[in-house]
Amino acid sequence: MQKSRKYDILTPCYLKQHRNRATGCQNVQQPQTKKGVVMASMLAAMFLGYLPWYNFSAVSNYIAEDLDLSVTQTGMILSSFQLGYVIVVLFTGWLSDRIGNQRVVAWATLLTAISSTMFSFLARDFSSVLVLRLLTGLSAGAIYVPGIALLSGWYPPEKRTGAIGAYTGALVLAYSGGYFIAAPIAAATTWRHGIFWTSVPAFLAAILIFAFVRDAESLAPEAAAAEPVGGRKGTPDTACPGKQDLTGPILITAGYMGHQWELYAFWGWIGPFMVACAKAVGYDTVTAVSLGGRLAAIIILLGAPSVWLAGVAADRFGRGRTILICALSSLGAQFVFGHLYGKSLTAVVIVGLWIGFWVAADSSIYKAGMTVMVSPKIRGTALGIQSALGFSVTILSPYVFGRVLAQANRGLQDTTLAVHWGLPFVILGLGALLAPLSILLLQVYQRRKGDSI
C-alpha cells in the first residue's frame, strides 16, 4: 500500500521528500533578473513609502505644544491613523484581486506621499490634523497587504516566507526611520520640516513602483484556474491536500491577532517605559527623554533583521515551529520586563533588546502562511481580512495598556513618573498567548487532516 502523503500547511509546499510531482504541487518559475529588480524596488519603496507612518509620533510633543493639543486629542489622532488603515485594508485586498496588486500599491504610495506632505503645510488645529492623519492612514493601508500579495506571485511557497520577511523588515526600518529622521530635524528646525522630509521620500517610492514593479506573469492564469477557499479545484499553490476549508486561515488569523496585541502595544509603550526607567536611575528629565527615545528606537529597529531571519528560518524549518519559538521567546519575557523598573538600566536594556528582536520576528510568517492556504484568486482579500482583524487589535491593546498603567499608578497622567509597570506588560504577555495556542491547534488540525488523506 502506498504511504499516505501529508502536507503541513505551516511548512513550505515543496517538502524535501515530495517534490513537485510527488506532492501534486506545481510552480511557474519567474525570471531571476526581473524578480531581483522587483524585489529590490519593493524593498526600497516600502522603506521610503512608510516613513510617514510614525513621523507624527516622532514629533507629536512639538505639534501638541504648537497647536495646543491635549493628551486626549493626541491619542485620538494616533488612533485615527490606525482606524484609517483598518478601514481601507479590507477594500484594497478585494480591489487588488481585481485590478492587480501593482496598481494598488503604486497609487496608494503616491496618495500617502501627497497626504503626508499636505500635513506639513495644512495642519493648523485639531480638526485639520485629525483629517490629514486619517487620510494618510487610509492611503498607507493600501500598500502593505497588496505588496505581500504581489511578492507572493513572484516567489514559490518554499521561498515565500523569506521574501515576505525581507519586505516586512523594510517596513520595520521605515517605522524606526520615522523616529530617527523626523525627531532630529524637528529639534533643529520645526516639526513641519520633520514631517515634510519624511513625507517627500514616498514620492520616490511611488516612482520606483510605477517604473520597475509588475505583477508576476503567472499570477493571472494561476488565479483564473483557481476556486475560492472551500471550492472543488486547487491551484499551483493550493493543489496540495488539507487546504480546502477555512480552519487553517481562521486559526492562523487568530494567531496573528495575538501577535499584533503584543507587538504594537510594546512598540507604542517602550518609549515611555525607557524614559521612566532612565529617570528612575537618576537621569534628569531632558536627558532621560533623549536617552529613552534612542534606546526605544534601537529596540524597535532590531525587528528589521529579526523578521527577515525568522522568515528564512521558517522556509527551512517550518512555519509553525518558527512561530512557536518567536512567540514564546517574546511573551515569556513580558512577564518580567515591567518588574525591572527601578533596577539596573543595563538589565532593562538587555531584556528590552531580547523582546525587541523576538516580538516582531514572526510578523511575516502569518502572512506567508495565509498565502499558501488560500487560492491566489482571493489572496489579496484573505490577507486584507487577516490584516484588518490584526490591526483592529492594535487599536485596543495600547489603550488597555495605558488604562492599566494609570490604574496601577492611581490615575497618574505623566508616564515618566509612573513606577508600577509590571501588570501592563504582563497583560501583553497574556494576550500574546493566543498566538502559540492557535498555532498548536493548527498543527493538531494539520496532523489529523494529513492522517485522513
Protein backbone atom coordinates (compact mmCIF):
# COMPACT_ATOMS: atom_id res chain seq x y z
CA MET A 1 0.00 0.00 0.00
CA GLN A 2 1.29 3.44 -0.89
CA LYS A 3 2.07 5.56 2.12
CA SER A 4 -0.36 8.45 2.50
CA ARG A 5 1.04 11.89 1.84
CA LYS A 6 1.00 14.56 4.49
CA TYR A 7 1.07 18.25 3.83
CA ASP A 8 1.89 20.68 6.59
CA ILE A 9 0.01 23.90 5.94
CA LEU A 10 2.59 25.69 8.06
CA THR A 11 5.61 24.42 6.11
CA PRO A 12 6.71 25.04 2.54
CA CYS A 13 4.70 23.29 -0.14
CA TYR A 14 7.85 21.77 -1.60
CA LEU A 15 8.78 19.23 1.05
CA LYS A 16 12.21 17.72 0.54
CA GLN A 17 10.87 14.20 0.19
CA HIS A 18 7.95 15.16 -2.03
CA ARG A 19 8.99 17.46 -4.86
CA ASN A 20 6.56 18.72 -7.48
CA ARG A 21 5.03 15.51 -8.83
CA ALA A 22 5.07 13.68 -5.55
CA THR A 23 3.03 16.36 -3.86
CA GLY A 24 0.90 17.34 -6.79
CA CYS A 25 2.09 20.93 -6.42
CA GLN A 26 3.46 22.98 -9.29
CA ASN A 27 5.06 26.35 -9.72
CA VAL A 28 5.89 28.62 -12.60
CA GLN A 29 9.48 29.82 -12.34
CA GLN A 30 9.93 33.57 -12.66
CA PRO A 31 12.92 35.16 -14.45
CA GLN A 32 15.57 35.69 -11.79
CA THR A 33 16.79 39.08 -13.04
CA LYS A 34 13.31 40.51 -13.26
CA LYS A 35 12.44 39.04 -9.88
CA GLY A 36 15.50 40.68 -8.34
CA VAL A 37 14.56 44.08 -9.76
CA VAL A 38 11.01 43.75 -8.45
CA MET A 39 12.22 42.67 -5.00
CA ALA A 40 14.80 45.45 -4.71
CA SER A 41 12.29 48.05 -5.86
CA MET A 42 9.64 46.81 -3.44
CA LEU A 43 12.06 46.87 -0.50
CA ALA A 44 13.23 50.40 -1.29
CA ALA A 45 9.67 51.58 -1.88
CA MET A 46 8.44 50.06 1.37
CA PHE A 47 11.13 51.86 3.36
CA LEU A 48 10.65 55.21 1.63
CA GLY A 49 6.87 54.97 1.40
CA TYR A 50 6.27 54.06 5.04
CA LEU A 51 8.44 56.76 6.64
CA PRO A 52 5.25 58.82 7.26
CA TRP A 53 3.82 56.06 9.48
CA TYR A 54 5.49 57.22 12.71
CA ASN A 55 6.64 60.70 11.70
CA PHE A 56 3.73 62.23 13.61
CA SER A 57 4.57 60.19 16.72
CA ALA A 58 8.20 61.27 16.47
CA VAL A 59 7.28 64.97 16.67
CA SER A 60 3.92 64.78 18.47
CA ASN A 61 5.20 66.68 21.51
CA TYR A 62 6.19 69.64 19.31
CA ILE A 63 2.87 69.53 17.44
CA ALA A 64 0.88 69.33 20.67
CA GLU A 65 2.70 72.34 22.07
CA ASP A 66 2.43 74.38 18.87
CA LEU A 67 -1.24 73.62 18.14
CA ASP A 68 -2.35 73.37 21.78
CA LEU A 69 -3.48 69.74 21.58
CA SER A 70 -4.49 67.86 24.73
CA VAL A 71 -3.29 64.35 25.59
CA THR A 72 -6.74 63.02 24.68
CA GLN A 73 -6.69 64.78 21.31
CA THR A 74 -3.22 63.44 20.57
CA GLY A 75 -4.45 59.94 21.36
CA MET A 76 -7.42 60.40 19.04
CA ILE A 77 -5.09 61.47 16.24
CA LEU A 78 -2.92 58.41 16.75
CA SER A 79 -5.99 56.16 16.73
CA SER A 80 -7.38 57.86 13.60
CA PHE A 81 -4.35 56.74 11.61
CA GLN A 82 -4.79 53.12 12.73
CA LEU A 83 -8.53 53.36 12.06
CA GLY A 84 -7.87 54.60 8.54
CA TYR A 85 -5.58 51.64 7.96
CA VAL A 86 -8.17 49.13 9.18
CA ILE A 87 -10.97 50.68 7.12
CA VAL A 88 -9.11 50.59 3.84
CA VAL A 89 -7.16 47.33 4.14
CA LEU A 90 -10.26 45.20 3.56
CA PHE A 91 -11.29 47.11 0.47
CA THR A 92 -7.81 47.17 -1.06
CA GLY A 93 -7.41 43.42 -0.66
CA TRP A 94 -10.58 42.96 -2.68
CA LEU A 95 -9.53 45.63 -5.19
CA SER A 96 -6.06 44.19 -5.76
CA ASP A 97 -7.61 40.81 -6.57
CA ARG A 98 -9.49 42.52 -9.40
CA ILE A 99 -7.26 45.19 -10.91
CA GLY A 100 -3.82 43.93 -9.89
CA ASN A 101 -1.55 44.46 -6.91
CA GLN A 102 0.95 46.75 -8.64
CA ARG A 103 -1.64 49.39 -9.46
CA VAL A 104 -2.97 49.46 -5.92
CA VAL A 105 0.48 49.65 -4.30
CA ALA A 106 1.72 52.35 -6.68
CA TRP A 107 -1.27 54.67 -6.38
CA ALA A 108 -1.57 54.13 -2.61
CA THR A 109 2.09 55.05 -2.15
CA LEU A 110 1.58 58.20 -4.20
CA LEU A 111 -1.51 59.16 -2.18
CA THR A 112 0.42 58.54 1.06
CA ALA A 113 3.13 60.92 -0.14
CA ILE A 114 0.57 63.58 -1.08
CA SER A 115 -1.49 63.39 2.13
CA SER A 116 1.53 63.34 4.45
CA THR A 117 3.18 66.23 2.61
CA MET A 118 -0.08 68.19 2.80
CA PHE A 119 0.05 67.66 6.57
CA SER A 120 3.30 69.60 6.82
CA PHE A 121 1.67 72.62 5.15
CA LEU A 122 -2.02 72.49 6.11
CA ALA A 123 -2.13 71.19 9.71
CA ARG A 124 -3.37 74.18 11.74
CA ASP A 125 -5.60 72.83 14.50
CA PHE A 126 -7.01 69.62 15.95
CA SER A 127 -9.59 69.11 13.19
CA SER A 128 -7.15 69.55 10.31
CA VAL A 129 -4.55 67.33 11.99
CA LEU A 130 -7.15 64.62 12.59
CA VAL A 131 -8.41 64.66 8.99
CA LEU A 132 -4.96 64.73 7.40
CA ARG A 133 -3.65 61.86 9.54
CA LEU A 134 -6.79 59.88 8.77
CA LEU A 135 -6.16 60.42 5.05
CA THR A 136 -2.56 59.30 5.47
CA GLY A 137 -3.71 56.17 7.28
CA LEU A 138 -6.28 55.42 4.58
CA SER A 139 -3.58 55.72 1.91
CA ALA A 140 -0.92 53.75 3.78
CA GLY A 141 -3.41 50.96 4.44
CA ALA A 142 -3.40 50.07 0.75
CA ILE A 143 0.35 49.41 0.50
CA TYR A 144 1.48 46.53 2.71
CA VAL A 145 -1.10 43.81 2.04
CA PRO A 146 -1.23 44.21 -1.76
CA GLY A 147 2.58 44.33 -1.64
CA ILE A 148 2.67 40.94 0.07
CA ALA A 149 0.20 39.55 -2.47
CA LEU A 150 2.38 40.90 -5.28
CA LEU A 151 5.56 39.30 -3.94
CA SER A 152 3.69 36.03 -3.34
CA GLY A 153 3.17 35.79 -7.08
CA TRP A 154 6.91 36.05 -7.70
CA TYR A 155 8.07 33.52 -5.10
CA PRO A 156 7.09 29.85 -4.71
CA PRO A 157 5.86 28.72 -1.27
CA GLU A 158 9.22 27.31 -0.16
CA LYS A 159 10.91 30.71 -0.62
CA ARG A 160 7.97 32.98 0.07
CA THR A 161 8.35 33.50 3.83
CA GLY A 162 11.89 34.79 3.46
CA ALA A 163 10.79 37.22 0.75
CA ILE A 164 7.86 38.50 2.79
CA GLY A 165 10.16 38.66 5.82
CA ALA A 166 12.54 40.96 3.94
CA TYR A 167 9.59 43.12 2.88
CA THR A 168 8.32 43.31 6.45
CA GLY A 169 11.85 44.08 7.62
CA ALA A 170 11.86 47.12 5.32
CA LEU A 171 8.59 48.16 6.93
CA VAL A 172 10.15 47.97 10.41
CA LEU A 173 13.11 50.01 9.16
CA ALA A 174 10.65 52.63 7.97
CA TYR A 175 8.98 52.67 11.39
CA SER A 176 12.33 53.37 13.04
CA GLY A 177 13.34 55.74 10.27
CA GLY A 178 10.37 57.95 11.02
CA TYR A 179 11.72 58.44 14.53
CA PHE A 180 15.40 58.73 13.60
CA ILE A 181 14.80 61.26 10.80
CA ALA A 182 11.80 63.37 11.87
CA ALA A 183 12.74 63.95 15.51
CA PRO A 184 16.25 65.41 14.97
CA ILE A 185 15.05 67.58 12.09
CA ALA A 186 12.17 68.87 14.21
CA ALA A 187 14.51 69.58 17.12
CA ALA A 188 16.89 71.53 14.87
CA THR A 189 14.22 73.39 12.88
CA THR A 190 10.44 72.90 13.23
CA TRP A 191 8.09 69.94 13.33
CA ARG A 192 6.80 70.89 9.87
CA HIS A 193 10.27 70.28 8.43
CA GLY A 194 10.41 66.93 10.23
CA ILE A 195 7.09 65.85 8.71
CA PHE A 196 7.99 67.21 5.26
CA TRP A 197 11.34 65.45 4.93
CA THR A 198 9.85 62.12 5.98
CA SER A 199 6.98 62.54 3.50
CA VAL A 200 8.80 63.54 0.31
CA PRO A 201 10.69 60.20 0.01
CA ALA A 202 7.33 58.49 -0.53
CA PHE A 203 7.13 60.22 -3.94
CA LEU A 204 10.34 58.43 -4.92
CA ALA A 205 8.81 55.19 -3.65
CA ALA A 206 5.82 55.66 -5.94
CA ILE A 207 8.12 56.31 -8.91
CA LEU A 208 10.02 53.08 -8.20
CA ILE A 209 6.82 51.04 -8.16
CA PHE A 210 5.37 52.62 -11.30
CA ALA A 211 8.66 52.16 -13.18
CA PHE A 212 10.11 48.83 -12.03
CA VAL A 213 7.42 46.70 -10.37
CA ARG A 214 4.97 44.42 -12.14
CA ASP A 215 2.67 41.62 -11.07
CA ALA A 216 4.13 38.18 -11.78
CA GLU A 217 3.20 36.87 -15.22
CA SER A 218 1.93 33.58 -13.81
CA LEU A 219 -0.48 35.26 -11.40
CA ALA A 220 -3.33 35.79 -13.86
CA PRO A 221 -3.60 32.22 -15.23
CA GLU A 222 -2.97 30.83 -11.77
CA ALA A 223 -5.85 32.81 -10.35
CA ALA A 224 -8.09 32.06 -13.29
CA ALA A 225 -7.75 28.35 -12.70
CA ALA A 226 -8.45 28.67 -9.02
CA GLU A 227 -11.55 28.14 -6.98
CA PRO A 228 -12.19 30.06 -3.73
CA VAL A 229 -11.32 28.50 -0.41
CA GLY A 230 -13.61 25.55 0.09
CA GLY A 231 -14.01 25.14 -3.66
CA ARG A 232 -13.54 21.99 -5.68
CA LYS A 233 -10.37 22.78 -7.57
CA GLY A 234 -6.85 23.57 -6.43
CA THR A 235 -4.19 25.86 -7.79
CA PRO A 236 -0.44 25.56 -8.13
CA ASP A 237 -0.27 26.82 -4.58
CA THR A 238 -3.39 25.17 -3.24
CA ALA A 239 -3.46 21.89 -5.06
CA CYS A 240 -1.96 20.17 -2.06
CA PRO A 241 -4.22 18.35 0.38
CA GLY A 242 -5.51 19.85 3.58
CA LYS A 243 -6.26 23.41 2.46
CA GLN A 244 -9.84 23.30 1.17
CA ASP A 245 -11.65 24.71 4.21
CA LEU A 246 -11.43 27.77 6.43
CA THR A 247 -9.97 26.12 9.54
CA GLY A 248 -6.38 26.95 8.65
CA PRO A 249 -7.00 30.59 7.70
CA ILE A 250 -9.11 31.15 10.82
CA LEU A 251 -6.52 29.69 13.18
CA ILE A 252 -3.54 31.48 11.65
CA THR A 253 -5.50 34.74 11.75
CA ALA A 254 -6.24 34.18 15.44
CA GLY A 255 -2.52 33.66 15.99
CA TYR A 256 -1.81 36.87 14.10
CA MET A 257 -4.22 38.77 16.35
CA GLY A 258 -2.34 37.55 19.43
CA HIS A 259 0.92 38.59 17.80
CA GLN A 260 -0.42 42.06 16.98
CA TRP A 261 -1.81 42.52 20.50
CA GLU A 262 1.69 42.26 21.90
CA LEU A 263 3.68 43.89 19.09
CA TYR A 264 2.03 47.27 18.67
CA ALA A 265 1.37 47.91 22.34
CA PHE A 266 5.02 47.07 23.04
CA TRP A 267 6.23 49.38 20.28
CA GLY A 268 3.85 52.11 21.42
CA TRP A 269 4.83 52.00 25.09
CA ILE A 270 8.51 51.03 25.02
CA GLY A 271 9.48 54.70 24.64
CA PRO A 272 7.66 55.99 27.74
CA PHE A 273 8.87 52.96 29.71
CA MET A 274 12.52 53.51 28.78
CA VAL A 275 12.22 57.20 29.68
CA ALA A 276 10.70 56.31 33.05
CA CYS A 277 13.45 53.75 33.70
CA ALA A 278 16.13 56.31 32.84
CA LYS A 279 14.61 58.81 35.28
CA ALA A 280 14.35 56.11 37.94
CA VAL A 281 18.12 55.59 37.94
CA GLY A 282 18.89 59.30 38.28
CA TYR A 283 18.88 60.97 34.86
CA ASP A 284 17.28 64.39 34.65
CA THR A 285 14.13 64.76 32.55
CA VAL A 286 15.75 66.18 29.42
CA THR A 287 18.48 63.53 29.36
CA ALA A 288 16.02 60.76 30.20
CA VAL A 289 13.73 61.73 27.32
CA SER A 290 16.62 61.82 24.85
CA LEU A 291 18.24 58.61 26.10
CA GLY A 292 14.95 56.74 26.45
CA GLY A 293 13.90 57.71 22.93
CA ARG A 294 17.15 56.48 21.41
CA LEU A 295 17.01 53.21 23.32
CA ALA A 296 13.40 52.65 22.26
CA ALA A 297 14.28 53.30 18.61
CA ILE A 298 17.14 50.78 18.77
CA ILE A 299 14.86 48.19 20.39
CA ILE A 300 12.26 48.66 17.65
CA LEU A 301 14.97 48.61 14.96
CA LEU A 302 16.02 45.09 16.00
CA GLY A 303 12.77 43.88 14.49
CA ALA A 304 14.06 44.61 10.98
CA PRO A 305 16.74 41.88 10.80
CA SER A 306 14.77 39.52 13.03
CA VAL A 307 11.72 39.41 10.79
CA TRP A 308 13.88 38.51 7.79
CA LEU A 309 15.91 35.91 9.70
CA ALA A 310 12.76 34.30 11.06
CA GLY A 311 11.27 34.23 7.57
CA VAL A 312 14.30 32.40 6.21
CA ALA A 313 14.21 30.00 9.18
CA ALA A 314 10.51 29.33 8.57
CA ASP A 315 11.20 28.38 4.96
CA ARG A 316 13.84 25.92 6.14
CA PHE A 317 12.47 24.51 9.39
CA GLY A 318 8.73 25.10 9.11
CA ARG A 319 6.42 28.00 9.83
CA GLY A 320 4.69 26.51 12.85
CA ARG A 321 7.89 25.68 14.68
CA THR A 322 9.36 29.12 13.99
CA ILE A 323 6.24 30.95 15.17
CA LEU A 324 6.23 29.00 18.43
CA ILE A 325 9.88 29.83 19.13
CA CYS A 326 9.42 33.53 18.37
CA ALA A 327 6.12 33.97 20.19
CA LEU A 328 7.16 32.16 23.36
CA SER A 329 10.54 33.92 23.46
CA SER A 330 8.94 37.37 23.43
CA LEU A 331 5.81 36.84 25.52
CA GLY A 332 7.71 34.99 28.22
CA ALA A 333 9.96 37.99 28.76
CA GLN A 334 6.93 40.31 29.05
CA PHE A 335 6.08 38.71 32.39
CA VAL A 336 9.30 40.05 33.94
CA PHE A 337 10.07 43.13 31.85
CA GLY A 338 7.87 45.67 33.63
CA HIS A 339 9.07 44.50 37.04
CA LEU A 340 12.60 45.63 36.14
CA TYR A 341 11.60 49.27 36.62
CA GLY A 342 13.95 50.89 39.14
CA LYS A 343 16.56 48.18 38.66
CA SER A 344 19.76 48.47 36.64
CA LEU A 345 19.16 50.26 33.34
CA THR A 346 21.55 47.78 31.73
CA ALA A 347 19.27 44.90 32.74
CA VAL A 348 16.24 46.75 31.36
CA VAL A 349 18.01 47.36 28.05
CA ILE A 350 19.15 43.74 27.72
CA VAL A 351 15.64 42.35 28.25
CA GLY A 352 14.20 45.09 26.04
CA LEU A 353 16.56 44.16 23.22
CA TRP A 354 15.60 40.49 23.65
CA ILE A 355 11.90 41.31 23.34
CA GLY A 356 12.56 43.78 20.52
CA PHE A 357 14.21 41.03 18.49
CA TRP A 358 11.61 38.31 19.05
CA VAL A 359 8.38 40.33 19.23
CA ALA A 360 8.49 41.27 15.54
CA ALA A 361 10.30 38.21 14.23
CA ASP A 362 7.25 36.14 13.28
CA SER A 363 5.32 39.01 11.64
CA SER A 364 5.81 37.80 8.07
CA ILE A 365 5.15 34.14 8.84
CA TYR A 366 1.45 34.61 9.49
CA LYS A 367 1.16 36.39 6.13
CA ALA A 368 3.12 33.76 4.25
CA GLY A 369 1.10 31.01 5.92
CA MET A 370 -2.11 32.62 4.73
CA THR A 371 -0.86 32.87 1.14
CA VAL A 372 -0.41 29.09 0.89
CA MET A 373 -3.79 28.33 2.47
CA VAL A 374 -5.96 30.23 0.02
CA SER A 375 -6.36 30.42 -3.73
CA PRO A 376 -4.32 33.16 -5.45
CA LYS A 377 -7.67 34.35 -6.82
CA ILE A 378 -8.65 35.61 -3.35
CA ARG A 379 -5.18 36.03 -1.86
CA GLY A 380 -5.45 39.81 -1.54
CA THR A 381 -8.88 39.59 0.06
CA ALA A 382 -7.75 36.95 2.56
CA LEU A 383 -4.67 38.96 3.51
CA GLY A 384 -6.85 42.05 3.83
CA ILE A 385 -9.24 40.33 6.24
CA GLN A 386 -6.31 38.99 8.26
CA SER A 387 -4.70 42.44 8.44
CA ALA A 388 -7.97 44.18 9.32
CA LEU A 389 -8.59 41.83 12.24
CA GLY A 390 -4.97 42.02 13.37
CA PHE A 391 -4.80 45.81 13.25
CA SER A 392 -8.18 46.12 14.95
CA VAL A 393 -6.47 44.59 17.96
CA THR A 394 -3.73 47.22 17.76
CA ILE A 395 -6.32 49.92 18.41
CA LEU A 396 -7.34 48.21 21.65
CA SER A 397 -4.13 46.86 23.20
CA PRO A 398 -2.23 50.17 23.59
CA TYR A 399 -5.34 51.68 25.16
CA VAL A 400 -5.71 48.78 27.60
CA PHE A 401 -2.02 49.07 28.48
CA GLY A 402 -2.45 52.77 29.23
CA ARG A 403 -5.60 52.28 31.30
CA VAL A 404 -4.00 49.55 33.39
CA LEU A 405 -0.88 51.68 33.83
CA ALA A 406 -2.98 54.63 35.01
CA GLN A 407 -4.93 52.46 37.44
CA ALA A 408 -1.78 50.84 38.80
CA ASN A 409 -0.34 54.31 39.41
CA ARG A 410 -3.57 55.80 40.83
CA GLY A 411 -4.54 57.86 37.81
CA LEU A 412 -1.12 59.43 37.24
CA GLN A 413 -1.05 61.24 33.87
CA ASP A 414 2.70 61.80 33.49
CA THR A 415 4.05 58.41 32.42
CA THR A 416 7.63 59.44 33.20
CA LEU A 417 6.64 59.44 36.89
CA ALA A 418 4.88 56.04 36.81
CA VAL A 419 6.53 53.41 39.00
CA HIS A 420 4.27 50.35 38.61
CA TRP A 421 4.84 48.87 35.14
CA GLY A 422 4.68 45.16 35.86
CA LEU A 423 0.96 44.47 35.31
CA PRO A 424 0.63 46.28 31.94
CA PHE A 425 3.44 44.21 30.43
CA VAL A 426 2.00 41.03 31.94
CA ILE A 427 -1.25 41.79 30.11
CA LEU A 428 0.70 41.98 26.86
CA GLY A 429 2.11 38.53 27.54
CA LEU A 430 -1.29 37.08 28.42
CA GLY A 431 -2.89 38.40 25.23
CA ALA A 432 0.03 37.17 23.16
CA LEU A 433 -0.62 33.60 24.33
CA LEU A 434 -3.32 33.46 21.66
CA ALA A 435 -0.55 33.15 19.05
CA PRO A 436 1.15 29.91 20.19
CA LEU A 437 -2.16 28.36 21.26
CA SER A 438 -3.66 28.97 17.81
CA ILE A 439 -0.60 27.54 16.08
CA LEU A 440 -0.63 24.44 18.29
CA LEU A 441 -4.28 23.88 17.38
CA LEU A 442 -3.40 24.39 13.73
CA GLN A 443 -0.65 21.79 13.94
CA VAL A 444 -3.05 19.30 15.53
CA TYR A 445 -5.57 20.01 12.77
CA GLN A 446 -2.90 19.52 10.12
CA ARG A 447 -1.80 16.19 11.53
CA ARG A 448 -5.35 14.91 11.67
CA LYS A 449 -6.01 16.12 8.15
CA GLY A 450 -2.82 14.52 6.94
CA ASP A 451 -3.65 11.17 8.56
CA SER A 452 -7.00 11.13 6.85
CA ILE A 453 -5.57 11.64 3.37
